[in-house]
Structures are given as C-alpha cells and as structure tokens.
C-alpha cells in the first residue's frame, strides 16, 4: 500500500507470525511486507523486501534475537521493536536489546493467542513512531561495569528531581545518571513508561552502571541525596513531605493520559509538595504525558527542563511542554547531568564559586 509503513515480522512461533500481522493490518497506515521464522531468514528478507521497521522476537533458535539485532543495527540501521515475553529472562534480554539500540519493546500478553489485541494499539503507535523518528539513533551502550558507590548522605536532599521519560529512555537515563557523582546532593524520582515486571531489573541495571544508588521505588522510601527511585510498572509514583521525612508514595489510581505510571501524576505531586525546591525534567518519549505537570511545577516556582529535539529519540513529550511554554530550559542530553548538578549545588557549581572567591 502506497505510503504505508513497511513492516517485517520476525518470530519463530507460527502463531505469532499469524497474529502480529493480523493486528497490524487493521491500521491502513501499516503494511506487513513479510514474516521470517528466524534471524537468518530475517536478514535475507530485509535485503529482498526493504522494510522500514522490524518487529523482533528475541528467543529464537539458530541466529538468536540478540545476534539478529546486532546484525540489523550494523548493516541496516533500521528501527527494531522487540516483542518480549513477560518472564524474568525475557526482561533481562529485552533490556540488553534496548542497550544495543532497539527502538522500543512491547510485552507479549501471558496468554498470547487470546490477548494479542490488548497490545495492538501500543504496537501500532510504536511502529509509527519508529518509522517517523529521524536524526538521532539510539546509542548502543557498553555493558554496565561495577560502579564504586559512595556512602548514602545522611542529610536531606538539596532539591528533589523528577524525571519523566518513555521511548529511548533506558539508554538516555543510563547516559545521564552514570555521569552523576556518588555524592550528588539531589534526590531523583523516575517515571519510565515500562510495563510491570521490567522496572526492577531496569533499576538494577542502572544501579550497576552508576555511582549514585538506584532502586525500584517502594512506598515509604526516603528521598535521599545520591539516590534515584524508579517507579514500578503499573503503579503511580508521588513525592510526599511527612513529619518524619520526605518519601515516595505508590498508588493504584486510574491511568492518566493512557499511562500508569504517569509523569503528570509525579510532576503534580512535586509541584504541590516541594514548590521552588522541585526540578522537573521531561525527556525523550511519545505523546504528551508530563507536559501539563511540567507547567504545574513551573507555576509553583520550580525549575523545568526539557530535553532538546536534536538529542531525543522521539521528540513527543518534550515538544508538547516546550510548545506550551512550560520548559524554563531546553537542554541537550550530553549537558543534562551537569545541569542537574548545577541546580542541586553539585561539584560544577562549587568549583565555579571557588573560582570567584
């Protein structure tokens, strides 16, 4: 079909090779040009069919999904959307695929045969975003090495930072957080659009590569300097000031903007609880989640930051906030860590003061 996004479906399951094209072709803007049962067939079909986007199962015999992904990235640079299982092993290999440059992923329903329509909208929207993404490619990352951890500071954080992020987020977050020193004086809360079952392993992976401490959030976790808390999948995350300290609170409220977790929920709580001590950062991702919340932080006197278009994999969420005038600063991904340190009174700011004295 002229103008439709050309998609190649790669999966070793005959059932999935039937179901995925069925749900994709309900949208006239997508044309499934072929299927492949393993990595070797996929590489041949890419040459023959010239797809724009590839959906890829990672657990395949022969040339497995990870090796297939590496070959696709090296030879063709095409956007790949991983169709992942919900298992622990599936989460681990999916995060590895994202680190290697996969565009995004969708998680297969536990009972794929009857529930594939449940992920239809998500898969279709991600395929369209992948086809439209131009400019920056997702940077493949090195395997995280052991990071030397500083002792957690006992005092309160100078400022509370909330980060909202979606497509392209895992690599972008690792890029930023790994540049922060272990004695970073701010506390960080993260909403990454990611399904239940993936966020704990994601937080562990970040923790391995960062000098700051990173963990999946639990209700009641203190907001400590030098620590980042990642919202669990299918929960909302809020920041709360209590007499005994500043804490993270999880909730099961309805979806907002189609999301749980929602960035707007986190940003709104930051505005209400912390005012001028709040720093809200909206990074790469599809849609508009977080834009209105960024506006609330700005009105409350906090600092609001949007990632620059030229450093976003998908410039949806930051663009929505910038167009509404809610972003006080627009910052390139490479400069974001230094910006956060300056906002929180980190090393960069201290050295600048020393030079002035």
Foldseek 3Di string as FASTA:
>chain_A
DPQAQEEEEEALDPLCQVVLQVLQVVDVNHDDQYYHNALVRVVVVCVVPVGQEYEFEQDHPDCGGQNSLLCCCVPPVHAYEYAFELDLVRLVVQLLSVLQFHFYYDYAPPPNNVCVNVCSVVVNVSSVLRSPFDFDGQHRDDQAAAAAADPFDPDAALFEEEEEEEGSPLSLVLLQQQPAANQQRYFYEYEYQDAANNFQVSQVSSCRRHRAHGGAFDWFAARTGRYYHYDGHQWEWEWAQDPVHITIHIHNDDADPNGVHFLLRHLQRCLVHPQQRYEYEYEADAAAGNQVSLQSNVVSNYAYEYEDPNQHSHCHHSVSNVVVVSHPYYYHSNCVNVVSSCSRVHDVVVVVVVVVD
